[in-house]
Amino acid sequence: MKNLITLIVAVVLVAVTATVSAQVTGTATGSATIITPIAIANAGNMNFGSIAVSATSGTVVLSNAGVRAATGGVTLPATTGTVSTANFTVTGLGSSTYSIQLPTTYTISDGSSHNMTVNAFTSNPSGTGALTAGTQTINVGATLNVAASQVAGTYTNATGFPVIVNYN
């Protein structure tokens, strides 16, 4: 009887030990989807056109639709010269949306010590764009700040101004 009790205790201990030390494994898979990178390319540069100045400072506002308006001592002559918004082509994944970040200020120069500041940038679309079939055009306008008696010349900045896009 003593052997029987010892045998039962041994079987119970083995069963408990086997249950406690039993190991169970779960599995999961990993995956990733690489999407088409978003890209932006210049499709046309901004040009405020011909501007006449006076002894009073002013501005030329170029809307993102390409329409000019003058304020202060600036006038827009009948011979407009080349007037154009900056244009960018954005490409990427199908019908994704993306954010648009415009610069706050940009300086153009006549190559000497004469500068004008460009600011108040606007875009169409504004703030957020939506790719249709993987592409969209952004039109960018801004305000050109013209000093009183601004020196005549062609003002440029070959470096360009940045427009940043990123998927939402």
Foldseek 3Di string as FASTA:
>chain_A
DVVVVVVVVVVVVVVVVCVVPDDDDDDDDDDDDDWWDKDKDWPDAADQFDKDFAQWKWKWWQDLVQDIDIDIRIDQDPRRGDGFFTKMKMFTDAFFKKFKDFDAKDWWAQPDPFIKIKGPKAKVVGGMDTDHRGMDMITIITMIIGHRVRDDHDIGDVVDTDMDMDTD
